[in-house]
Amino acid sequence: MYLSLIYRQFARLTIIFSLLCLQACSGPKLEPLAADAEILAFGDSLTYGKGVNSGEDYPAVLAELSGRYVINAGVSGETTAQGLIRLDVQLMEHSPDLLILLEGGNDFLRSTPPDVAKANLAKMIELAHSYSIPVLLIAVPEKSIFLSPSDIYEELAETYGLILLKNELTELLKSPQMKSDTIHLNRAGYRALAEAIHLKLIEAGAL
């Protein structure tokens, strides 16, 4: 009877573990990126690489890790409204196989209402999808004493079925060892961000 009880408990745990694995594996997926695929890293100073030398920004490190060509389309100080205007030109010029979207931090710093930033990001995502370009979205923390990712990113990811890097950037920005100033990463921080994106791409089936 004791062995039977142990067996039932083991079977129950096995079922729970299997369900958790299925849940983890059932998220959005990406088509494999060919060896000559191009990735457009679009955003503000965190994409541009403010605080480090050329070649130490996250797009450069991601190119090194992934073996794919990664275009750094970051502009320091850009808001989502400005990014929305600029994105169409970038997508037409480069015709990338994947868009990495990291924007919204300057909106939060300027106290732009979250709904405004969300609407602009939604239009960027819809623009990319109109070109059949998949999007990997990176969540940015809101301006607060205790940093946490803005809810708008998870909402957008759920609405559009996107791959979301939810907590990684926030955790890096919480660590003084990973920052060059109060709002930008240093060399180690950008590398860690690139490594997190690289891992997410592998998990999603892109690499």
C-alpha atoms as a PDB file:
ATOM      1  CA  MET A   1       0.000   0.000   0.000  1.00  0.00           C
ATOM      2  CA  TYR A   2       2.867   2.355   0.842  1.00  0.00           C
ATOM      3  CA  LEU A   3       4.547   1.641  -2.504  1.00  0.00           C
ATOM      4  CA  SER A   4       1.230   2.220  -4.264  1.00  0.00           C
ATOM      5  CA  LEU A   5       0.921   5.633  -2.605  1.00  0.00           C
ATOM      6  CA  ILE A   6       4.453   6.571  -3.659  1.00  0.00           C
ATOM      7  CA  TYR A   7       3.710   5.447  -7.207  1.00  0.00           C
ATOM      8  CA  ARG A   8       0.539   7.572  -7.370  1.00  0.00           C
ATOM      9  CA  GLN A   9       2.406  10.623  -6.063  1.00  0.00           C
ATOM     10  CA  PHE A  10       5.190  10.071  -8.570  1.00  0.00           C
ATOM     11  CA  ALA A  11       2.681   9.711 -11.398  1.00  0.00           C
ATOM     12  CA  ARG A  12       0.920  12.921 -10.320  1.00  0.00           C
ATOM     13  CA  LEU A  13       4.227  14.833 -10.251  1.00  0.00           C
ATOM     14  CA  THR A  14       5.131  13.452 -13.664  1.00  0.00           C
ATOM     15  CA  ILE A  15       1.838  14.693 -15.113  1.00  0.00           C
ATOM     16  CA  ILE A  16       2.295  18.147 -13.557  1.00  0.00           C
ATOM     17  CA  PHE A  17       5.852  18.368 -14.881  1.00  0.00           C
ATOM     18  CA  SER A  18       4.698  17.336 -18.360  1.00  0.00           C
ATOM     19  CA  LEU A  19       1.956  19.970 -18.341  1.00  0.00           C
ATOM     20  CA  LEU A  20       4.428  22.655 -17.279  1.00  0.00           C
ATOM     21  CA  CYS A  21       6.787  21.629 -20.068  1.00  0.00           C
ATOM     22  CA  LEU A  22       3.965  21.751 -22.598  1.00  0.00           C
ATOM     23  CA  GLN A  23       2.974  25.198 -21.356  1.00  0.00           C
ATOM     24  CA  ALA A  24       6.575  26.449 -21.645  1.00  0.00           C
ATOM     25  CA  CYS A  25       6.896  25.041 -25.150  1.00  0.00           C
ATOM     26  CA  SER A  26       3.540  26.336 -26.377  1.00  0.00           C
ATOM     27  CA  GLY A  27       4.509  29.998 -26.607  1.00  0.00           C
ATOM     28  CA  PRO A  28       4.967  31.930 -29.848  1.00  0.00           C
ATOM     29  CA  LYS A  29       7.523  30.528 -32.269  1.00  0.00           C
ATOM     30  CA  LEU A  30       9.615  32.012 -35.067  1.00  0.00           C
ATOM     31  CA  GLU A  31      10.623  30.576 -38.404  1.00  0.00           C
ATOM     32  CA  PRO A  32      14.309  29.579 -38.541  1.00  0.00           C
ATOM     33  CA  LEU A  33      16.523  32.448 -39.674  1.00  0.00           C
ATOM     34  CA  ALA A  34      18.655  31.571 -42.666  1.00  0.00           C
ATOM     35  CA  ALA A  35      22.411  32.031 -42.445  1.00  0.00           C
ATOM     36  CA  ASP A  36      22.139  35.183 -44.574  1.00  0.00           C
ATOM     37  CA  ALA A  37      19.115  36.579 -42.694  1.00  0.00           C
ATOM     38  CA  GLU A  38      19.074  40.200 -41.572  1.00  0.00           C
ATOM     39  CA  ILE A  39      17.818  41.367 -38.188  1.00  0.00           C
ATOM     40  CA  LEU A  40      16.779  44.982 -37.655  1.00  0.00           C
ATOM     41  CA  ALA A  41      17.447  46.128 -34.080  1.00  0.00           C
ATOM     42  CA  PHE A  42      15.242  49.193 -33.760  1.00  0.00           C
ATOM     43  CA  GLY A  43      14.980  51.524 -30.783  1.00  0.00           C
ATOM     44  CA  ASP A  44      16.501  54.342 -28.804  1.00  0.00           C
ATOM     45  CA  SER A  45      19.818  54.785 -26.953  1.00  0.00           C
ATOM     46  CA  LEU A  46      19.680  51.285 -25.459  1.00  0.00           C
ATOM     47  CA  THR A  47      19.819  49.940 -29.006  1.00  0.00           C
ATOM     48  CA  TYR A  48      22.276  52.555 -30.237  1.00  0.00           C
ATOM     49  CA  GLY A  49      24.634  51.615 -27.408  1.00  0.00           C
ATOM     50  CA  LYS A  50      24.996  54.837 -25.439  1.00  0.00           C
ATOM     51  CA  GLY A  51      27.690  54.474 -22.803  1.00  0.00           C
ATOM     52  CA  VAL A  52      29.986  52.089 -24.707  1.00  0.00           C
ATOM     53  CA  ASN A  53      32.302  52.065 -27.697  1.00  0.00           C
ATOM     54  CA  SER A  54      31.261  51.023 -31.184  1.00  0.00           C
ATOM     55  CA  GLY A  55      31.056  47.243 -31.394  1.00  0.00           C
ATOM     56  CA  GLU A  56      30.052  46.871 -27.748  1.00  0.00           C
ATOM     57  CA  ASP A  57      26.352  47.653 -28.294  1.00  0.00           C
ATOM     58  CA  TYR A  58      23.873  44.789 -28.053  1.00  0.00           C
ATOM     59  CA  PRO A  59      23.196  44.513 -31.836  1.00  0.00           C
ATOM     60  CA  ALA A  60      26.928  44.052 -32.499  1.00  0.00           C
ATOM     61  CA  VAL A  61      27.209  41.394 -29.800  1.00  0.00           C
ATOM     62  CA  LEU A  62      24.044  39.662 -31.036  1.00  0.00           C
ATOM     63  CA  ALA A  63      25.535  39.497 -34.533  1.00  0.00           C
ATOM     64  CA  GLU A  64      28.601  37.833 -33.067  1.00  0.00           C
ATOM     65  CA  LEU A  65      26.536  35.319 -31.091  1.00  0.00           C
ATOM     66  CA  SER A  66      23.964  34.500 -33.756  1.00  0.00           C
ATOM     67  CA  GLY A  67      26.099  34.572 -36.879  1.00  0.00           C
ATOM     68  CA  ARG A  68      23.426  36.750 -38.507  1.00  0.00           C
ATOM     69  CA  TYR A  69      23.711  40.299 -39.841  1.00  0.00           C
ATOM     70  CA  VAL A  70      22.207  42.655 -37.265  1.00  0.00           C
ATOM     71  CA  ILE A  71      21.500  46.265 -38.244  1.00  0.00           C
ATOM     72  CA  ASN A  72      21.797  48.804 -35.437  1.00  0.00           C
ATOM     73  CA  ALA A  73      18.905  51.208 -36.041  1.00  0.00           C
ATOM     74  CA  GLY A  74      19.009  52.866 -32.632  1.00  0.00           C
ATOM     75  CA  VAL A  75      18.616  56.634 -32.180  1.00  0.00           C
ATOM     76  CA  SER A  76      19.399  58.182 -28.807  1.00  0.00           C
ATOM     77  CA  GLY A  77      16.554  60.126 -27.213  1.00  0.00           C
ATOM     78  CA  GLU A  78      13.886  58.808 -29.552  1.00  0.00           C
ATOM     79  CA  THR A  79      10.278  58.482 -28.382  1.00  0.00           C
ATOM     80  CA  THR A  80       7.761  55.988 -29.695  1.00  0.00           C
ATOM     81  CA  ALA A  81       6.065  58.768 -31.696  1.00  0.00           C
ATOM     82  CA  GLN A  82       9.346  59.577 -33.419  1.00  0.00           C
ATOM     83  CA  GLY A  83      10.149  55.902 -33.885  1.00  0.00           C
ATOM     84  CA  LEU A  84       6.817  55.278 -35.565  1.00  0.00           C
ATOM     85  CA  ILE A  85       7.648  57.901 -38.194  1.00  0.00           C
ATOM     86  CA  ARG A  86      11.117  56.440 -38.778  1.00  0.00           C
ATOM     87  CA  LEU A  87      10.301  52.730 -38.789  1.00  0.00           C
ATOM     88  CA  ASP A  88       8.554  52.541 -42.163  1.00  0.00           C
ATOM     89  CA  VAL A  89      11.626  53.896 -43.947  1.00  0.00           C
ATOM     90  CA  GLN A  90      13.871  51.419 -42.133  1.00  0.00           C
ATOM     91  CA  LEU A  91      11.676  48.455 -42.997  1.00  0.00           C
ATOM     92  CA  MET A  92      11.491  49.431 -46.674  1.00  0.00           C
ATOM     93  CA  GLU A  93      15.223  50.096 -46.871  1.00  0.00           C
ATOM     94  CA  HIS A  94      16.413  46.896 -45.216  1.00  0.00           C
ATOM     95  CA  SER A  95      13.544  44.379 -45.662  1.00  0.00           C
ATOM     96  CA  PRO A  96      14.708  42.522 -42.525  1.00  0.00           C
ATOM     97  CA  ASP A  97      13.762  38.950 -41.656  1.00  0.00           C
ATOM     98  CA  LEU A  98      13.159  39.922 -38.014  1.00  0.00           C
ATOM     99  CA  LEU A  99      12.487  43.154 -36.130  1.00  0.00           C
ATOM    100  CA  ILE A 100      13.714  43.559 -32.545  1.00  0.00           C
ATOM    101  CA  LEU A 101      11.742  46.425 -31.011  1.00  0.00           C
ATOM    102  CA  LEU A 102      13.108  48.121 -27.894  1.00  0.00           C
ATOM    103  CA  GLU A 103      11.470  51.479 -27.381  1.00  0.00           C
ATOM    104  CA  GLY A 104       9.409  53.400 -24.841  1.00  0.00           C
ATOM    105  CA  GLY A 105      11.978  54.396 -22.244  1.00  0.00           C
ATOM    106  CA  ASN A 106      12.050  58.037 -23.318  1.00  0.00           C
ATOM    107  CA  ASP A 107       8.256  58.156 -23.228  1.00  0.00           C
ATOM    108  CA  PHE A 108       8.333  57.028 -19.594  1.00  0.00           C
ATOM    109  CA  LEU A 109      11.096  59.483 -18.706  1.00  0.00           C
ATOM    110  CA  ARG A 110       8.987  62.302 -20.161  1.00  0.00           C
ATOM    111  CA  SER A 111       5.851  61.087 -18.361  1.00  0.00           C
ATOM    112  CA  THR A 112       4.022  60.313 -21.605  1.00  0.00           C
ATOM    113  CA  PRO A 113       0.805  58.445 -20.761  1.00  0.00           C
ATOM    114  CA  PRO A 114       1.369  54.676 -21.115  1.00  0.00           C
ATOM    115  CA  ASP A 115      -1.635  54.361 -23.428  1.00  0.00           C
ATOM    116  CA  VAL A 116       0.013  56.765 -25.885  1.00  0.00           C
ATOM    117  CA  ALA A 117       3.257  54.773 -25.926  1.00  0.00           C
ATOM    118  CA  LYS A 118       1.274  51.554 -26.246  1.00  0.00           C
ATOM    119  CA  ALA A 119      -0.689  52.882 -29.227  1.00  0.00           C
ATOM    120  CA  ASN A 120       2.518  53.936 -30.993  1.00  0.00           C
ATOM    121  CA  LEU A 121       4.161  50.572 -30.338  1.00  0.00           C
ATOM    122  CA  ALA A 122       1.041  48.800 -31.591  1.00  0.00           C
ATOM    123  CA  LYS A 123       1.227  50.758 -34.842  1.00  0.00           C
ATOM    124  CA  MET A 124       4.911  49.804 -35.201  1.00  0.00           C
ATOM    125  CA  ILE A 125       4.076  46.138 -34.708  1.00  0.00           C
ATOM    126  CA  GLU A 126       1.220  46.331 -37.203  1.00  0.00           C
ATOM    127  CA  LEU A 127       3.524  48.067 -39.672  1.00  0.00           C
ATOM    128  CA  ALA A 128       6.082  45.264 -39.381  1.00  0.00           C
ATOM    129  CA  HIS A 129       3.371  42.644 -39.776  1.00  0.00           C
ATOM    130  CA  SER A 130       2.090  44.416 -42.895  1.00  0.00           C
ATOM    131  CA  TYR A 131       5.498  43.580 -44.402  1.00  0.00           C
ATOM    132  CA  SER A 132       5.266  40.014 -42.998  1.00  0.00           C
ATOM    133  CA  ILE A 133       8.163  40.745 -40.642  1.00  0.00           C
ATOM    134  CA  PRO A 134       8.024  38.985 -37.247  1.00  0.00           C
ATOM    135  CA  VAL A 135       8.705  41.021 -34.118  1.00  0.00           C
ATOM    136  CA  LEU A 136      10.615  40.299 -30.927  1.00  0.00           C
ATOM    137  CA  LEU A 137       9.496  42.832 -28.313  1.00  0.00           C
ATOM    138  CA  ILE A 138      11.671  43.924 -25.375  1.00  0.00           C
ATOM    139  CA  ALA A 139       9.898  45.296 -22.312  1.00  0.00           C
ATOM    140  CA  VAL A 140      11.163  48.545 -20.798  1.00  0.00           C
ATOM    141  CA  PRO A 141      10.687  49.447 -17.111  1.00  0.00           C
ATOM    142  CA  GLU A 142       8.466  52.327 -16.111  1.00  0.00           C
ATOM    143  CA  LYS A 143       9.895  55.310 -14.230  1.00  0.00           C
ATOM    144  CA  SER A 144       9.629  54.406 -10.551  1.00  0.00           C
ATOM    145  CA  ILE A 145      11.731  53.778  -7.458  1.00  0.00           C
ATOM    146  CA  PHE A 146      11.225  50.024  -7.765  1.00  0.00           C
ATOM    147  CA  LEU A 147      11.798  49.188 -11.419  1.00  0.00           C
ATOM    148  CA  SER A 148       9.373  46.800 -13.084  1.00  0.00           C
ATOM    149  CA  PRO A 149       8.480  46.230 -16.729  1.00  0.00           C
ATOM    150  CA  SER A 150       5.572  48.297 -17.978  1.00  0.00           C
ATOM    151  CA  ASP A 151       2.441  46.199 -18.395  1.00  0.00           C
ATOM    152  CA  ILE A 152       1.923  47.538 -21.911  1.00  0.00           C
ATOM    153  CA  TYR A 153       4.573  45.196 -23.330  1.00  0.00           C
ATOM    154  CA  GLU A 154       2.963  42.012 -22.059  1.00  0.00           C
ATOM    155  CA  GLU A 155      -0.412  43.289 -23.251  1.00  0.00           C
ATOM    156  CA  LEU A 156       1.011  43.948 -26.718  1.00  0.00           C
ATOM    157  CA  ALA A 157       2.731  40.563 -26.821  1.00  0.00           C
ATOM    158  CA  GLU A 158      -0.536  38.821 -25.973  1.00  0.00           C
ATOM    159  CA  THR A 159      -2.544  40.862 -28.479  1.00  0.00           C
ATOM    160  CA  TYR A 160      -0.164  40.281 -31.383  1.00  0.00           C
ATOM    161  CA  GLY A 161       1.275  36.879 -30.431  1.00  0.00           C
ATOM    162  CA  LEU A 162       4.829  38.181 -30.073  1.00  0.00           C
ATOM    163  CA  ILE A 163       8.003  36.789 -28.589  1.00  0.00           C
ATOM    164  CA  LEU A 164       8.555  38.923 -25.485  1.00  0.00           C
ATOM    165  CA  LEU A 165      11.727  39.557 -23.506  1.00  0.00           C
ATOM    166  CA  LYS A 166       9.883  40.648 -20.392  1.00  0.00           C
ATOM    167  CA  ASN A 167      12.170  40.934 -17.348  1.00  0.00           C
ATOM    168  CA  GLU A 168      15.731  40.786 -18.611  1.00  0.00           C
ATOM    169  CA  LEU A 169      16.300  44.482 -19.371  1.00  0.00           C
ATOM    170  CA  THR A 170      14.688  45.555 -16.108  1.00  0.00           C
ATOM    171  CA  GLU A 171      16.913  43.210 -14.105  1.00  0.00           C
ATOM    172  CA  LEU A 172      20.012  44.561 -15.844  1.00  0.00           C
ATOM    173  CA  LEU A 173      18.980  48.143 -15.129  1.00  0.00           C
ATOM    174  CA  LYS A 174      18.574  47.250 -11.462  1.00  0.00           C
ATOM    175  CA  SER A 175      22.219  46.201 -11.261  1.00  0.00           C
ATOM    176  CA  PRO A 176      24.839  48.988 -10.813  1.00  0.00           C
ATOM    177  CA  GLN A 177      27.498  46.592 -12.149  1.00  0.00           C
ATOM    178  CA  MET A 178      25.682  46.475 -15.488  1.00  0.00           C
ATOM    179  CA  LYS A 179      25.160  50.226 -16.027  1.00  0.00           C
ATOM    180  CA  SER A 180      27.252  53.100 -17.370  1.00  0.00           C
ATOM    181  CA  ASP A 181      24.866  55.661 -15.830  1.00  0.00           C
ATOM    182  CA  THR A 182      21.399  55.693 -14.276  1.00  0.00           C
ATOM    183  CA  ILE A 183      19.528  54.666 -17.438  1.00  0.00           C
ATOM    184  CA  HIS A 184      22.075  53.063 -19.764  1.00  0.00           C
ATOM    185  CA  LEU A 185      23.961  49.798 -19.778  1.00  0.00           C
ATOM    186  CA  ASN A 186      27.716  49.312 -19.827  1.00  0.00           C
ATOM    187  CA  ARG A 187      29.720  46.825 -21.863  1.00  0.00           C
ATOM    188  CA  ALA A 188      28.807  43.897 -19.610  1.00  0.00           C
ATOM    189  CA  GLY A 189      25.164  44.982 -19.570  1.00  0.00           C
ATOM    190  CA  TYR A 190      24.798  45.181 -23.339  1.00  0.00           C
ATOM    191  CA  ARG A 191      26.498  41.800 -23.713  1.00  0.00           C
ATOM    192  CA  ALA A 192      24.134  40.284 -21.160  1.00  0.00           C
ATOM    193  CA  LEU A 193      21.159  41.761 -23.027  1.00  0.00           C
ATOM    194  CA  ALA A 194      22.435  40.329 -26.318  1.00  0.00           C
ATOM    195  CA  GLU A 195      22.903  36.927 -24.682  1.00  0.00           C
ATOM    196  CA  ALA A 196      19.326  37.021 -23.351  1.00  0.00           C
ATOM    197  CA  ILE A 197      17.976  37.885 -26.815  1.00  0.00           C
ATOM    198  CA  HIS A 198      20.105  35.156 -28.380  1.00  0.00           C
ATOM    199  CA  LEU A 199      18.747  32.578 -25.934  1.00  0.00           C
ATOM    200  CA  LYS A 200      15.182  33.739 -26.580  1.00  0.00           C
ATOM    201  CA  LEU A 201      15.712  33.343 -30.340  1.00  0.00           C
ATOM    202  CA  ILE A 202      17.003  29.824 -29.815  1.00  0.00           C
ATOM    203  CA  GLU A 203      14.013  28.948 -27.607  1.00  0.00           C
ATOM    204  CA  ALA A 204      11.650  30.361 -30.237  1.00  0.00           C
ATOM    205  CA  GLY A 205      13.202  28.245 -32.976  1.00  0.00           C
ATOM    206  CA  ALA A 206      14.771  31.114 -34.925  1.00  0.00           C
ATOM    207  CA  LEU A 207      18.343  29.864 -34.390  1.00  0.00           C
END
